[in-house]
Amino acid sequence: MSTQVQFLNGLNTIGGNVVSFTEGNTRLVMDFGVNFAPAETPTGDLLADGTLPALPDLFTDVESDKTTTIFVSHLHLDHMGALKYLTKLTDVYMSQASADLYHVLTELGTESAPNATIKVIPFETPMMFGDFEVTFFETDHDARGAAAIRVRDGVHTFVHSGDVRLDGPHPERVNHWADILREAHIDLFLLEGTEFSFDADDEKEHVRHTEMSLQQDFGQILDEHHQLVVINPYERNIDRLEALQNTARLHGREILWDKQFATIMRAMGVADVKEIDWEAALARPHHYVIQNHFNQLHDLDQFDGQFVYLHMNGEPLGEYDPRFAELQAYLDANHVELQRLGASGHAKPEDLVALAQHVNAQKTVTWHSFKPEKEAEALRKVGLNVYLPTKGETLAY
């Protein structure tokens, strides 16, 4: 009996990449995200327009003879956002850190997937699902608990890179799993290609920050400005939030967090988290940094435009989100410059090429990119065998 590898989504988008591995009545699905799905859109419409992967038995009352298990590489929405649409109880495996964060988000009501049964798969601990063996490897991304995933069917070895970078705080994690995979003679390597999506002349931040350089520049901005500093980070990047708090204190400031951020940070082990106190911030604005989510943008009205605004990969992330125009208009009206101070969780193009070369799989698929063909071309130039599947296509092994 052969393994069927089907590419269900995310072949020419950033995120939303979904692949299934099926043998007999066992089906493994990795990851399970969506790119952008307005809450009011019916599930049937999301299936019909391809926002959700073509797995109707998981989202409707359609029956299937398959036993499905879902694996989530990390807890960003574009890798797990479809869980809330499940209509049948389904086991969902993720790392311990991801499960801890998911639990906090469900307690807050930020996430709700009543049919997802969350289970933990420890790093480098193979687990069997039918005839498949699945192993998670800790990796470096801008999400705690992120993983690369290896699947074996007894004959063949398949790898889903997940989201990955090599200029983050922990390149040794990536080098570790890449070394292991190189020795395993991988049959199929699914490699993200986010940073190949952008051309040099695209409207995009030109300075590439690392997590370390971001903190250095943040500290410098705090020293240079004697007024309130406002930050808009992403609530799921726990390590960055903790680092921002430490940097602010080193530079004589205190970050005040909204209740949701503060709850998440405390639950994930961050110490001495202070919640927003508007009276204190108005009295001594130069002593504070305020974390501000887009939904609370008008809380800043009371400062009459007397603040510095740092956009740190929070929502809305970019121009593709209609809310970004609203954010820009608000800041323009207050004569405040939108300063971008973010760091990518994705590897540079040259690092992706080096990673693919090192793993040296029999076949590499590029996805999780607006321009997977650019990554494919770069990999072919260094002698790698690259395949660009179409949506819904199945490879048999």
Protein backbone atom coordinates (compact mmCIF):
# COMPACT_ATOMS: atom_id res chain seq x y z
CA MET A 1 0.00 0.00 0.00
CA SER A 2 1.42 3.40 -0.97
CA THR A 3 1.47 6.74 0.81
CA GLN A 4 -0.54 9.47 -0.87
CA VAL A 5 0.82 12.99 -0.33
CA GLN A 6 -1.78 15.61 -1.24
CA PHE A 7 -1.13 19.37 -1.38
CA LEU A 8 -4.31 21.01 -0.16
CA ASN A 9 -3.45 24.68 0.31
CA GLY A 10 -0.72 27.29 0.65
CA LEU A 11 1.19 26.60 -2.54
CA ASN A 12 1.33 30.24 -3.64
CA THR A 13 0.36 32.13 -0.51
CA ILE A 14 2.19 33.06 2.67
CA GLY A 15 0.64 30.72 5.17
CA GLY A 16 -2.40 28.52 5.00
CA ASN A 17 -0.23 25.66 3.79
CA VAL A 18 -1.85 22.27 4.34
CA VAL A 19 -0.61 18.83 3.28
CA SER A 20 -2.02 15.38 3.98
CA PHE A 21 -0.31 11.98 4.17
CA THR A 22 -2.70 9.07 3.67
CA GLU A 23 -2.15 5.32 3.80
CA GLY A 24 -5.16 3.02 4.02
CA ASN A 25 -7.66 4.63 6.39
CA THR A 26 -5.03 6.69 8.25
CA ARG A 27 -4.74 10.34 7.27
CA LEU A 28 -2.32 12.85 8.77
CA VAL A 29 -2.87 16.57 8.09
CA MET A 30 -0.16 19.23 8.61
CA ASP A 31 -0.67 22.32 9.28
CA PHE A 32 -4.25 23.61 9.51
CA GLY A 33 -4.27 27.37 8.99
CA VAL A 34 -6.06 30.02 7.01
CA ASN A 35 -4.75 33.28 5.61
CA PHE A 36 -7.68 35.62 6.12
CA ALA A 37 -11.20 34.46 6.85
CA PRO A 38 -13.73 37.07 8.04
CA ALA A 39 -15.64 35.71 11.02
CA GLU A 40 -19.05 36.17 9.41
CA THR A 41 -18.26 34.07 6.32
CA PRO A 42 -20.12 30.69 6.36
CA THR A 43 -17.95 27.59 6.45
CA GLY A 44 -19.48 26.34 3.21
CA ASP A 45 -18.36 29.49 1.42
CA LEU A 46 -14.82 29.15 2.82
CA LEU A 47 -14.71 25.59 1.51
CA ALA A 48 -16.07 26.61 -1.87
CA ASP A 49 -13.61 29.46 -2.39
CA GLY A 50 -10.63 27.38 -1.26
CA THR A 51 -9.90 29.31 1.93
CA LEU A 52 -10.34 26.05 3.83
CA PRO A 53 -8.59 22.92 2.57
CA ALA A 54 -10.69 20.48 0.51
CA LEU A 55 -11.44 18.16 3.42
CA PRO A 56 -15.25 18.37 3.56
CA ASP A 57 -15.54 15.48 6.02
CA LEU A 58 -13.79 17.65 8.64
CA PHE A 59 -15.93 20.76 8.09
CA THR A 60 -19.38 19.40 7.19
CA ASP A 61 -21.59 16.40 7.93
CA VAL A 62 -19.96 14.43 5.09
CA GLU A 63 -18.70 11.07 6.39
CA SER A 64 -15.32 9.48 5.66
CA ASP A 65 -13.68 6.12 6.31
CA LYS A 66 -10.44 7.93 7.18
CA THR A 67 -9.15 8.42 10.72
CA THR A 68 -7.69 11.92 10.64
CA THR A 69 -5.07 13.38 12.96
CA ILE A 70 -3.98 17.01 12.65
CA PHE A 71 -0.48 18.30 13.46
CA VAL A 72 0.24 21.97 14.09
CA SER A 73 3.84 23.14 13.68
CA HIS A 74 3.27 26.37 15.63
CA LEU A 75 0.48 28.55 16.90
CA HIS A 76 0.27 31.32 14.29
CA LEU A 77 -3.16 31.73 12.73
CA ASP A 78 -1.96 30.86 9.23
CA HIS A 79 -0.98 27.44 10.58
CA MET A 80 -3.86 26.63 12.95
CA GLY A 81 -6.70 29.07 12.21
CA ALA A 82 -8.94 26.43 10.59
CA LEU A 83 -9.30 24.44 13.82
CA LYS A 84 -12.35 26.44 14.84
CA TYR A 85 -14.24 25.21 11.77
CA LEU A 86 -13.95 21.51 12.67
CA THR A 87 -17.33 19.80 12.99
CA LYS A 88 -16.12 16.45 14.34
CA LEU A 89 -13.94 15.64 17.34
CA THR A 90 -10.39 15.43 15.96
CA ASP A 91 -7.07 14.85 17.68
CA VAL A 92 -4.71 17.81 17.19
CA TYR A 93 -1.05 17.39 18.14
CA MET A 94 1.36 20.23 18.89
CA SER A 95 4.37 20.94 21.09
CA GLN A 96 3.98 21.53 24.82
CA ALA A 97 4.70 25.27 24.51
CA SER A 98 2.13 25.59 21.73
CA ALA A 99 -0.45 23.68 23.78
CA ASP A 100 0.21 25.90 26.82
CA LEU A 101 -0.36 29.03 24.75
CA TYR A 102 -3.44 27.55 23.09
CA HIS A 103 -4.94 26.84 26.51
CA VAL A 104 -4.43 30.47 27.57
CA LEU A 105 -5.97 31.76 24.33
CA THR A 106 -9.04 29.56 24.76
CA GLU A 107 -9.43 30.74 28.36
CA LEU A 108 -9.39 34.32 27.07
CA GLY A 109 -11.83 33.50 24.27
CA THR A 110 -9.31 34.47 21.60
CA GLU A 111 -9.40 30.92 20.27
CA SER A 112 -12.31 28.50 20.32
CA ALA A 113 -12.25 25.12 18.61
CA PRO A 114 -14.57 22.85 20.59
CA ASN A 115 -13.99 19.90 18.25
CA ALA A 116 -10.20 20.05 18.45
CA THR A 117 -8.84 17.65 21.05
CA ILE A 118 -5.43 19.14 21.86
CA LYS A 119 -2.62 16.67 22.58
CA VAL A 120 1.10 17.11 23.10
CA ILE A 121 3.88 15.50 21.11
CA PRO A 122 7.26 15.96 22.83
CA PHE A 123 10.22 17.01 20.71
CA GLU A 124 12.27 14.17 19.21
CA THR A 125 9.90 11.53 20.55
CA PRO A 126 8.56 9.46 17.61
CA MET A 127 4.87 8.58 17.85
CA MET A 128 2.94 6.08 15.73
CA PHE A 129 -0.31 6.84 13.90
CA GLY A 130 -1.34 3.77 11.95
CA ASP A 131 1.76 2.85 9.93
CA PHE A 132 3.12 6.40 10.09
CA GLU A 133 5.80 7.55 12.51
CA VAL A 134 5.73 11.29 13.32
CA THR A 135 8.53 13.24 15.01
CA PHE A 136 8.62 16.91 16.00
CA PHE A 137 11.95 18.79 16.07
CA GLU A 138 12.28 22.11 17.86
CA THR A 139 13.12 24.90 15.43
CA ASP A 140 13.66 28.67 15.37
CA HIS A 141 10.71 30.87 14.43
CA ASP A 142 9.03 33.86 16.05
CA ALA A 143 6.71 31.57 18.01
CA ARG A 144 7.62 29.60 21.10
CA GLY A 145 7.32 25.85 20.56
CA ALA A 146 7.64 25.94 16.76
CA ALA A 147 8.56 22.64 15.10
CA ALA A 148 9.77 20.99 11.94
CA ILE A 149 7.97 17.68 11.38
CA ARG A 150 9.26 14.38 10.02
CA VAL A 151 6.93 11.63 8.75
CA ARG A 152 8.03 8.07 7.99
CA ASP A 153 5.90 5.33 6.46
CA GLY A 154 8.41 2.52 6.96
CA VAL A 155 9.97 3.02 3.54
CA HIS A 156 9.91 6.74 2.77
CA THR A 157 10.73 9.85 4.78
CA PHE A 158 8.91 13.16 4.36
CA VAL A 159 9.67 16.46 6.09
CA HIS A 160 7.60 19.61 6.60
CA SER A 161 10.00 22.43 7.51
CA GLY A 162 7.35 24.55 9.18
CA ASP A 163 8.30 28.21 9.40
CA VAL A 164 12.01 28.60 9.99
CA ARG A 165 14.82 31.14 10.22
CA LEU A 166 18.57 30.93 10.72
CA ASP A 167 19.33 34.43 11.99
CA GLY A 168 17.17 34.16 15.09
CA PRO A 169 18.28 33.45 18.66
CA HIS A 170 18.49 29.68 18.15
CA PRO A 171 20.06 28.70 14.81
CA GLU A 172 21.51 25.65 16.57
CA ARG A 173 18.01 24.13 16.67
CA VAL A 174 17.68 24.35 12.90
CA ASN A 175 21.20 23.07 12.32
CA HIS A 176 20.45 20.13 14.62
CA TRP A 177 17.38 18.89 12.76
CA ALA A 178 18.96 19.63 9.38
CA ASP A 179 21.92 17.42 10.30
CA ILE A 180 19.60 14.60 11.36
CA LEU A 181 17.56 14.86 8.19
CA ARG A 182 20.61 14.92 5.95
CA GLU A 183 21.61 11.55 7.32
CA ALA A 184 18.09 10.19 6.81
CA HIS A 185 18.09 10.62 2.99
CA ILE A 186 14.81 12.49 2.76
CA ASP A 187 12.45 11.56 -0.07
CA LEU A 188 10.37 14.75 0.04
CA PHE A 189 11.20 18.06 1.73
CA LEU A 190 8.46 20.70 1.97
CA LEU A 191 10.27 23.99 2.42
CA GLU A 192 8.73 27.38 3.20
CA GLY A 193 9.74 30.29 0.99
CA THR A 194 8.24 33.40 2.55
CA GLU A 195 11.18 35.72 1.90
CA PHE A 196 11.26 34.80 -1.78
CA SER A 197 7.88 36.52 -2.07
CA PHE A 198 9.35 40.00 -2.26
CA ASP A 199 11.31 41.73 -4.99
CA ALA A 200 13.95 44.33 -4.22
CA ASP A 201 11.65 47.11 -5.40
CA ASP A 202 8.65 45.90 -3.42
CA GLU A 203 7.36 48.27 -0.75
CA LYS A 204 8.95 46.48 2.13
CA GLU A 205 11.11 47.23 5.10
CA HIS A 206 14.66 47.44 3.76
CA VAL A 207 16.53 46.89 7.02
CA ARG A 208 16.22 43.29 8.14
CA HIS A 209 16.19 43.19 11.91
CA THR A 210 17.03 40.18 13.96
CA GLU A 211 15.46 39.71 17.38
CA MET A 212 18.71 40.99 18.85
CA SER A 213 19.07 44.10 16.66
CA LEU A 214 15.38 44.91 17.20
CA GLN A 215 16.01 45.17 20.93
CA GLN A 216 19.08 47.34 20.36
CA ASP A 217 17.14 49.77 18.16
CA PHE A 218 14.23 49.78 20.60
CA GLY A 219 16.58 50.81 23.39
CA GLN A 220 18.05 53.57 21.24
CA ILE A 221 14.59 54.94 20.42
CA LEU A 222 13.73 55.00 24.12
CA ASP A 223 16.87 56.99 24.84
CA GLU A 224 16.29 59.46 22.00
CA HIS A 225 12.67 60.36 22.76
CA HIS A 226 11.39 62.07 25.90
CA GLN A 227 7.74 61.30 25.30
CA LEU A 228 5.42 58.32 25.41
CA VAL A 229 6.42 55.40 23.19
CA VAL A 230 3.62 53.16 21.87
CA ILE A 231 4.32 49.64 20.60
CA ASN A 232 2.12 47.25 18.62
CA PRO A 233 3.64 43.75 18.91
CA TYR A 234 2.09 40.32 18.29
CA GLU A 235 0.65 38.72 21.41
CA ARG A 236 1.81 35.21 20.46
CA ASN A 237 5.50 36.10 20.26
CA ILE A 238 6.09 35.56 23.97
CA ASP A 239 9.87 35.63 23.85
CA ARG A 240 9.89 39.02 22.11
CA LEU A 241 7.38 40.46 24.58
CA GLU A 242 9.56 39.41 27.48
CA ALA A 243 12.66 40.83 25.79
CA LEU A 244 10.89 44.15 25.12
CA GLN A 245 9.96 44.41 28.79
CA ASN A 246 13.55 43.74 29.85
CA THR A 247 14.94 46.26 27.33
CA ALA A 248 12.52 48.96 28.47
CA ARG A 249 13.59 48.51 32.08
CA LEU A 250 17.26 48.68 31.15
CA HIS A 251 16.50 52.07 29.61
CA GLY A 252 14.52 53.41 32.55
CA ARG A 253 11.01 52.74 31.29
CA GLU A 254 8.14 50.45 32.21
CA ILE A 255 5.94 48.78 29.62
CA LEU A 256 2.24 48.83 30.47
CA TRP A 257 0.30 45.98 28.84
CA ASP A 258 -3.40 45.57 28.17
CA LYS A 259 -5.23 42.87 30.12
CA GLN A 260 -5.13 40.29 27.33
CA PHE A 261 -1.39 40.63 26.72
CA ALA A 262 -0.71 40.67 30.47
CA THR A 263 -2.76 37.51 31.04
CA ILE A 264 -0.98 35.65 28.25
CA MET A 265 2.47 36.74 29.41
CA ARG A 266 1.88 35.77 33.03
CA ALA A 267 0.47 32.39 32.04
CA MET A 268 3.54 31.74 29.88
CA GLY A 269 5.91 32.46 32.76
CA VAL A 270 6.85 36.13 32.27
CA ALA A 271 7.42 37.80 35.64
CA ASP A 272 6.40 41.21 36.97
CA VAL A 273 4.03 42.22 34.17
CA LYS A 274 2.39 45.63 34.66
CA GLU A 275 -1.08 46.44 33.29
CA ILE A 276 -2.05 49.78 31.78
CA ASP A 277 -2.58 52.61 34.25
CA TRP A 278 -3.74 55.61 32.22
CA GLU A 279 -3.47 58.06 35.09
CA ALA A 280 0.20 57.15 35.61
CA ALA A 281 0.93 57.23 31.88
CA LEU A 282 -0.65 60.68 31.47
CA ALA A 283 1.22 62.02 34.47
CA ARG A 284 4.65 60.76 33.39
CA PRO A 285 4.45 59.71 29.71
CA HIS A 286 8.24 59.81 29.27
CA HIS A 287 8.55 57.06 31.90
CA TYR A 288 6.34 54.55 30.08
CA VAL A 289 5.86 52.46 26.99
CA ILE A 290 2.24 51.57 26.18
CA GLN A 291 1.36 48.40 24.31
CA ASN A 292 -1.58 49.18 22.05
CA HIS A 293 -3.66 46.77 19.97
CA PHE A 294 -5.44 48.08 16.89
CA ASN A 295 -8.79 47.46 18.56
CA GLN A 296 -7.83 49.96 21.27
CA LEU A 297 -6.30 52.52 18.91
CA HIS A 298 -8.51 55.37 20.11
CA ASP A 299 -7.23 54.94 23.67
CA LEU A 300 -4.35 57.02 22.35
CA ASP A 301 -6.63 60.03 21.73
CA GLN A 302 -5.90 61.31 25.22
CA PHE A 303 -2.25 61.95 24.29
CA ASP A 304 -3.10 64.41 21.47
CA GLY A 305 -0.54 62.93 19.09
CA GLN A 306 2.32 63.33 21.56
CA PHE A 307 3.77 59.86 21.19
CA VAL A 308 6.09 57.71 19.11
CA TYR A 309 4.43 54.74 17.38
CA LEU A 310 6.40 51.54 16.74
CA HIS A 311 4.72 48.86 14.62
CA MET A 312 6.23 45.54 15.78
CA ASN A 313 4.52 42.83 13.70
CA GLY A 314 1.21 43.34 15.49
CA GLU A 315 -2.19 43.48 13.84
CA PRO A 316 -2.81 44.70 11.19
CA LEU A 317 0.42 43.25 9.87
CA GLY A 318 0.54 44.88 6.45
CA GLU A 319 -1.19 46.67 3.61
CA TYR A 320 -3.10 43.56 2.53
CA ASP A 321 -5.23 43.92 5.68
CA PRO A 322 -7.91 46.65 5.23
CA ARG A 323 -7.34 47.74 8.84
CA PHE A 324 -3.82 48.88 7.98
CA ALA A 325 -5.20 51.83 6.01
CA GLU A 326 -7.27 52.78 9.07
CA LEU A 327 -4.18 52.66 11.27
CA GLN A 328 -2.20 54.79 8.86
CA ALA A 329 -5.02 57.32 8.55
CA TYR A 330 -5.32 57.63 12.33
CA LEU A 331 -1.61 58.25 12.76
CA ASP A 332 -1.56 60.73 9.86
CA ALA A 333 -4.43 62.66 11.44
CA ASN A 334 -2.41 62.88 14.65
CA HIS A 335 0.80 63.81 12.81
CA VAL A 336 2.52 60.67 14.11
CA GLU A 337 4.90 58.67 11.94
CA LEU A 338 4.34 54.93 11.67
CA GLN A 339 7.76 53.46 12.39
CA ARG A 340 8.28 49.80 11.57
CA LEU A 341 10.38 47.91 14.06
CA GLY A 342 9.74 44.24 13.43
CA ALA A 343 11.79 41.11 12.86
CA SER A 344 10.95 38.32 10.46
CA GLY A 345 10.36 34.79 11.64
CA HIS A 346 11.37 33.55 8.20
CA ALA A 347 14.77 32.69 6.76
CA LYS A 348 16.53 34.91 4.26
CA PRO A 349 16.54 33.52 0.68
CA GLU A 350 20.22 32.61 0.84
CA ASP A 351 19.65 30.77 4.12
CA LEU A 352 16.78 28.78 2.62
CA VAL A 353 19.01 27.73 -0.26
CA ALA A 354 21.77 26.68 2.14
CA LEU A 355 19.27 24.75 4.27
CA ALA A 356 17.84 22.90 1.27
CA GLN A 357 21.34 22.10 0.04
CA HIS A 358 22.31 20.70 3.42
CA VAL A 359 19.20 18.51 3.75
CA ASN A 360 19.71 17.41 0.14
CA ALA A 361 16.36 15.68 -0.30
CA GLN A 362 15.51 13.56 -3.31
CA LYS A 363 12.78 16.08 -4.09
CA THR A 364 12.07 19.53 -2.61
CA VAL A 365 8.72 21.32 -2.83
CA THR A 366 8.67 25.08 -2.33
CA TRP A 367 5.52 26.63 -0.87
CA HIS A 368 4.32 29.14 1.75
CA SER A 369 5.28 31.92 -0.66
CA PHE A 370 3.68 34.30 -3.13
CA LYS A 371 6.45 33.33 -5.56
CA PRO A 372 7.41 29.68 -5.00
CA GLU A 373 8.84 29.58 -8.52
CA LYS A 374 11.55 32.06 -7.47
CA GLU A 375 12.68 29.77 -4.68
CA ALA A 376 12.47 26.78 -7.01
CA GLU A 377 14.72 28.53 -9.53
CA ALA A 378 17.29 29.35 -6.86
CA LEU A 379 17.34 25.75 -5.64
CA ARG A 380 17.66 24.34 -9.15
CA LYS A 381 20.65 26.60 -9.76
CA VAL A 382 22.51 24.75 -6.99
CA GLY A 383 21.59 21.36 -8.42
CA LEU A 384 18.55 20.39 -6.37
CA ASN A 385 15.54 18.52 -7.74
CA VAL A 386 12.54 20.82 -7.17
CA TYR A 387 8.88 20.16 -7.84
CA LEU A 388 6.04 22.71 -7.93
CA PRO A 389 2.76 20.87 -7.36
CA THR A 390 -0.67 22.31 -8.11
CA LYS A 391 -3.38 22.72 -5.53
CA GLY A 392 -5.08 19.40 -4.89
CA GLU A 393 -2.35 17.38 -6.61
CA THR A 394 -1.38 14.02 -5.11
CA LEU A 395 2.03 12.35 -5.20
CA ALA A 396 2.17 8.58 -4.67
CA TYR A 397 5.07 6.92 -2.83
